[in-house]
Amino acid sequence: MGTILAVLIIITAVLLDFFIYVDRKRWGWMKSWTKYQKGLFFSSFIVVAILFYITI
């Protein structure tokens, strides 16, 4: 249960951060990317964050 909650928090935090700051410096460099590239990036980012959380 604790791991699932942590995964949900990680996913929610990353997606909210992207949608709030999409036009600023943090995510602005992704403006020209396609939806597929953005999806692949965020999927990879979330998988790495989950693996990092699990190994710690």
PDB file of N, CA and C in Angstrom:
ATOM      1  N   MET A   1       0.819  -1.196   0.000  1.00  0.00           N
ATOM      2  CA  MET A   1       0.000   0.000   0.000  1.00  0.00           C
ATOM      3  C   MET A   1       0.862   1.258   0.000  1.00  0.00           C
ATOM      4  N   GLY A   2       1.930   1.259   0.783  1.00  0.00           N
ATOM      5  CA  GLY A   2       2.809   2.418   0.851  1.00  0.00           C
ATOM      6  C   GLY A   2       3.520   2.683  -0.460  1.00  0.00           C
ATOM      7  N   THR A   3       3.915   1.621  -1.145  1.00  0.00           N
ATOM      8  CA  THR A   3       4.605   1.775  -2.425  1.00  0.00           C
ATOM      9  C   THR A   3       3.665   2.333  -3.486  1.00  0.00           C
ATOM     10  N   ILE A   4       2.443   1.850  -3.482  1.00  0.00           N
ATOM     11  CA  ILE A   4       1.460   2.345  -4.452  1.00  0.00           C
ATOM     12  C   ILE A   4       1.186   3.822  -4.228  1.00  0.00           C
ATOM     13  N   LEU A   5       1.077   4.225  -2.985  1.00  0.00           N
ATOM     14  CA  LEU A   5       0.852   5.632  -2.665  1.00  0.00           C
ATOM     15  C   LEU A   5       2.032   6.492  -3.116  1.00  0.00           C
ATOM     16  N   ALA A   6       3.240   6.017  -2.899  1.00  0.00           N
ATOM     17  CA  ALA A   6       4.430   6.753  -3.327  1.00  0.00           C
ATOM     18  C   ALA A   6       4.472   6.891  -4.847  1.00  0.00           C
ATOM     19  N   VAL A   7       4.128   5.833  -5.557  1.00  0.00           N
ATOM     20  CA  VAL A   7       4.100   5.870  -7.019  1.00  0.00           C
ATOM     21  C   VAL A   7       3.072   6.894  -7.503  1.00  0.00           C
ATOM     22  N   LEU A   8       1.905   6.895  -6.907  1.00  0.00           N
ATOM     23  CA  LEU A   8       0.867   7.853  -7.286  1.00  0.00           C
ATOM     24  C   LEU A   8       1.301   9.291  -7.006  1.00  0.00           C
ATOM     25  N   ILE A   9       1.979   9.509  -5.908  1.00  0.00           N
ATOM     26  CA  ILE A   9       2.472  10.850  -5.585  1.00  0.00           C
ATOM     27  C   ILE A   9       3.522  11.294  -6.604  1.00  0.00           C
ATOM     28  N   ILE A  10       4.428  10.405  -6.975  1.00  0.00           N
ATOM     29  CA  ILE A  10       5.461  10.730  -7.959  1.00  0.00           C
ATOM     30  C   ILE A  10       4.830  11.089  -9.300  1.00  0.00           C
ATOM     31  N   ILE A  11       3.913  10.268  -9.760  1.00  0.00           N
ATOM     32  CA  ILE A  11       3.254  10.507 -11.049  1.00  0.00           C
ATOM     33  C   ILE A  11       2.487  11.819 -11.031  1.00  0.00           C
ATOM     34  N   THR A  12       1.729  12.041  -9.975  1.00  0.00           N
ATOM     35  CA  THR A  12       0.933  13.263  -9.869  1.00  0.00           C
ATOM     36  C   THR A  12       1.825  14.503  -9.818  1.00  0.00           C
ATOM     37  N   ALA A  13       2.895  14.448  -9.061  1.00  0.00           N
ATOM     38  CA  ALA A  13       3.787  15.599  -8.938  1.00  0.00           C
ATOM     39  C   ALA A  13       4.442  15.952 -10.271  1.00  0.00           C
ATOM     40  N   VAL A  14       4.903  14.961 -10.997  1.00  0.00           N
ATOM     41  CA  VAL A  14       5.566  15.224 -12.280  1.00  0.00           C
ATOM     42  C   VAL A  14       4.580  15.794 -13.295  1.00  0.00           C
ATOM     43  N   LEU A  15       3.401  15.207 -13.390  1.00  0.00           N
ATOM     44  CA  LEU A  15       2.428  15.688 -14.363  1.00  0.00           C
ATOM     45  C   LEU A  15       1.892  17.074 -14.013  1.00  0.00           C
ATOM     46  N   LEU A  16       1.625  17.331 -12.751  1.00  0.00           N
ATOM     47  CA  LEU A  16       1.178  18.667 -12.354  1.00  0.00           C
ATOM     48  C   LEU A  16       2.257  19.708 -12.622  1.00  0.00           C
ATOM     49  N   ASP A  17       3.491  19.371 -12.323  1.00  0.00           N
ATOM     50  CA  ASP A  17       4.598  20.284 -12.583  1.00  0.00           C
ATOM     51  C   ASP A  17       4.689  20.613 -14.059  1.00  0.00           C
ATOM     52  N   PHE A  18       4.534  19.616 -14.905  1.00  0.00           N
ATOM     53  CA  PHE A  18       4.597  19.846 -16.350  1.00  0.00           C
ATOM     54  C   PHE A  18       3.467  20.754 -16.820  1.00  0.00           C
ATOM     55  N   PHE A  19       2.244  20.470 -16.403  1.00  0.00           N
ATOM     56  CA  PHE A  19       1.114  21.253 -16.884  1.00  0.00           C
ATOM     57  C   PHE A  19       1.098  22.678 -16.331  1.00  0.00           C
ATOM     58  N   ILE A  20       1.669  22.909 -15.168  1.00  0.00           N
ATOM     59  CA  ILE A  20       1.699  24.253 -14.595  1.00  0.00           C
ATOM     60  C   ILE A  20       2.820  25.087 -15.205  1.00  0.00           C
ATOM     61  N   TYR A  21       3.984  24.489 -15.435  1.00  0.00           N
ATOM     62  CA  TYR A  21       5.157  25.232 -15.897  1.00  0.00           C
ATOM     63  C   TYR A  21       5.553  24.906 -17.329  1.00  0.00           C
ATOM     64  N   VAL A  22       4.609  24.565 -18.174  1.00  0.00           N
ATOM     65  CA  VAL A  22       4.920  24.106 -19.532  1.00  0.00           C
ATOM     66  C   VAL A  22       5.571  25.196 -20.391  1.00  0.00           C
ATOM     67  N   ASP A  23       5.265  26.460 -20.163  1.00  0.00           N
ATOM     68  CA  ASP A  23       5.812  27.524 -21.002  1.00  0.00           C
ATOM     69  C   ASP A  23       7.022  28.213 -20.387  1.00  0.00           C
ATOM     70  N   ARG A  24       7.486  27.757 -19.279  1.00  0.00           N
ATOM     71  CA  ARG A  24       8.626  28.399 -18.625  1.00  0.00           C
ATOM     72  C   ARG A  24       9.909  27.620 -18.872  1.00  0.00           C
ATOM     73  N   LYS A  25      10.968  28.023 -18.204  1.00  0.00           N
ATOM     74  CA  LYS A  25      12.279  27.431 -18.452  1.00  0.00           C
ATOM     75  C   LYS A  25      12.332  25.941 -18.143  1.00  0.00           C
ATOM     76  N   ARG A  26      11.596  25.515 -17.120  1.00  0.00           N
ATOM     77  CA  ARG A  26      11.730  24.130 -16.689  1.00  0.00           C
ATOM     78  C   ARG A  26      11.290  23.144 -17.776  1.00  0.00           C
ATOM     79  N   TRP A  27      10.171  23.408 -18.446  1.00  0.00           N
ATOM     80  CA  TRP A  27       9.671  22.486 -19.461  1.00  0.00           C
ATOM     81  C   TRP A  27       9.555  23.138 -20.835  1.00  0.00           C
ATOM     82  N   GLY A  28       9.931  24.397 -20.966  1.00  0.00           N
ATOM     83  CA  GLY A  28       9.804  25.103 -22.232  1.00  0.00           C
ATOM     84  C   GLY A  28      10.632  24.503 -23.360  1.00  0.00           C
ATOM     85  N   TRP A  29      11.702  23.833 -23.030  1.00  0.00           N
ATOM     86  CA  TRP A  29      12.562  23.225 -24.042  1.00  0.00           C
ATOM     87  C   TRP A  29      11.891  22.060 -24.753  1.00  0.00           C
ATOM     88  N   MET A  30      10.718  21.639 -24.264  1.00  0.00           N
ATOM     89  CA  MET A  30       9.991  20.534 -24.897  1.00  0.00           C
ATOM     90  C   MET A  30       8.874  21.021 -25.818  1.00  0.00           C
ATOM     91  N   LYS A  31       8.793  22.320 -26.073  1.00  0.00           N
ATOM     92  CA  LYS A  31       7.694  22.866 -26.876  1.00  0.00           C
ATOM     93  C   LYS A  31       7.599  22.242 -28.265  1.00  0.00           C
ATOM     94  N   SER A  32       8.704  21.990 -28.892  1.00  0.00           N
ATOM     95  CA  SER A  32       8.687  21.484 -30.267  1.00  0.00           C
ATOM     96  C   SER A  32       8.565  19.961 -30.342  1.00  0.00           C
ATOM     97  N   TRP A  33       8.482  19.299 -29.223  1.00  0.00           N
ATOM     98  CA  TRP A  33       8.374  17.839 -29.213  1.00  0.00           C
ATOM     99  C   TRP A  33       6.966  17.410 -29.585  1.00  0.00           C
ATOM    100  N   THR A  34       6.847  16.218 -30.173  1.00  0.00           N
ATOM    101  CA  THR A  34       5.540  15.652 -30.479  1.00  0.00           C
ATOM    102  C   THR A  34       4.947  15.038 -29.208  1.00  0.00           C
ATOM    103  N   LYS A  35       3.665  14.715 -29.267  1.00  0.00           N
ATOM    104  CA  LYS A  35       3.014  14.095 -28.107  1.00  0.00           C
ATOM    105  C   LYS A  35       3.647  12.742 -27.795  1.00  0.00           C
ATOM    106  N   TYR A  36       4.045  12.025 -28.836  1.00  0.00           N
ATOM    107  CA  TYR A  36       4.690  10.728 -28.635  1.00  0.00           C
ATOM    108  C   TYR A  36       6.016  10.878 -27.882  1.00  0.00           C
ATOM    109  N   GLN A  37       6.811  11.860 -28.266  1.00  0.00           N
ATOM    110  CA  GLN A  37       8.097  12.082 -27.608  1.00  0.00           C
ATOM    111  C   GLN A  37       7.904  12.503 -26.148  1.00  0.00           C
ATOM    112  N   LYS A  38       6.920  13.364 -25.900  1.00  0.00           N
ATOM    113  CA  LYS A  38       6.638  13.777 -24.529  1.00  0.00           C
ATOM    114  C   LYS A  38       6.160  12.596 -23.695  1.00  0.00           C
ATOM    115  N   GLY A  39       5.288  11.773 -24.267  1.00  0.00           N
ATOM    116  CA  GLY A  39       4.805  10.593 -23.558  1.00  0.00           C
ATOM    117  C   GLY A  39       5.918   9.620 -23.241  1.00  0.00           C
ATOM    118  N   LEU A  40       6.809   9.423 -24.198  1.00  0.00           N
ATOM    119  CA  LEU A  40       7.948   8.531 -23.988  1.00  0.00           C
ATOM    120  C   LEU A  40       8.878   9.078 -22.909  1.00  0.00           C
ATOM    121  N   PHE A  41       9.112  10.378 -22.932  1.00  0.00           N
ATOM    122  CA  PHE A  41       9.968  11.003 -21.931  1.00  0.00           C
ATOM    123  C   PHE A  41       9.371  10.845 -20.537  1.00  0.00           C
ATOM    124  N   PHE A  42       8.078  11.183 -20.376  1.00  0.00           N
ATOM    125  CA  PHE A  42       7.466  11.113 -19.060  1.00  0.00           C
ATOM    126  C   PHE A  42       7.308   9.676 -18.577  1.00  0.00           C
ATOM    127  N   SER A  43       7.043   8.762 -19.482  1.00  0.00           N
ATOM    128  CA  SER A  43       6.975   7.351 -19.089  1.00  0.00           C
ATOM    129  C   SER A  43       8.330   6.885 -18.567  1.00  0.00           C
ATOM    130  N   SER A  44       9.383   7.232 -19.284  1.00  0.00           N
ATOM    131  CA  SER A  44      10.728   6.851 -18.854  1.00  0.00           C
ATOM    132  C   SER A  44      11.088   7.513 -17.530  1.00  0.00           C
ATOM    133  N   PHE A  45      10.741   8.783 -17.385  1.00  0.00           N
ATOM    134  CA  PHE A  45      11.037   9.514 -16.162  1.00  0.00           C
ATOM    135  C   PHE A  45      10.333   8.886 -14.968  1.00  0.00           C
ATOM    136  N   ILE A  46       9.073   8.519 -15.145  1.00  0.00           N
ATOM    137  CA  ILE A  46       8.302   7.919 -14.058  1.00  0.00           C
ATOM    138  C   ILE A  46       8.849   6.544 -13.701  1.00  0.00           C
ATOM    139  N   VAL A  47       9.225   5.755 -14.693  1.00  0.00           N
ATOM    140  CA  VAL A  47       9.795   4.433 -14.423  1.00  0.00           C
ATOM    141  C   VAL A  47      11.103   4.564 -13.646  1.00  0.00           C
ATOM    142  N   VAL A  48      11.958   5.494 -14.051  1.00  0.00           N
ATOM    143  CA  VAL A  48      13.231   5.696 -13.354  1.00  0.00           C
ATOM    144  C   VAL A  48      12.991   6.175 -11.924  1.00  0.00           C
ATOM    145  N   ALA A  49      12.035   7.084 -11.741  1.00  0.00           N
ATOM    146  CA  ALA A  49      11.731   7.580 -10.394  1.00  0.00           C
ATOM    147  C   ALA A  49      11.197   6.456  -9.501  1.00  0.00           C
ATOM    148  N   ILE A  50      10.363   5.592 -10.052  1.00  0.00           N
ATOM    149  CA  ILE A  50       9.824   4.465  -9.274  1.00  0.00           C
ATOM    150  C   ILE A  50      10.941   3.491  -8.914  1.00  0.00           C
ATOM    151  N   LEU A  51      11.801   3.175  -9.885  1.00  0.00           N
ATOM    152  CA  LEU A  51      12.918   2.271  -9.603  1.00  0.00           C
ATOM    153  C   LEU A  51      13.851   2.857  -8.554  1.00  0.00           C
ATOM    154  N   PHE A  52      14.083   4.155  -8.630  1.00  0.00           N
ATOM    155  CA  PHE A  52      14.907   4.829  -7.634  1.00  0.00           C
ATOM    156  C   PHE A  52      14.272   4.731  -6.258  1.00  0.00           C
ATOM    157  N   TYR A  53      12.951   4.956  -6.191  1.00  0.00           N
ATOM    158  CA  TYR A  53      12.248   4.876  -4.912  1.00  0.00           C
ATOM    159  C   TYR A  53      12.304   3.463  -4.329  1.00  0.00           C
ATOM    160  N   ILE A  54      12.099   2.467  -5.168  1.00  0.00           N
ATOM    161  CA  ILE A  54      12.086   1.080  -4.713  1.00  0.00           C
ATOM    162  C   ILE A  54      13.475   0.648  -4.217  1.00  0.00           C
ATOM    163  N   THR A  55      14.531   1.079  -4.910  1.00  0.00           N
ATOM    164  CA  THR A  55      15.870   0.649  -4.506  1.00  0.00           C
ATOM    165  C   THR A  55      16.340   1.329  -3.217  1.00  0.00           C
ATOM    166  N   ILE A  56      15.809   2.487  -2.935  1.00  0.00           N
ATOM    167  CA  ILE A  56      16.188   3.173  -1.692  1.00  0.00           C
ATOM    168  C   ILE A  56      15.427   2.524  -0.582  1.00  0.00           C
TER     169      ILE A  56
END
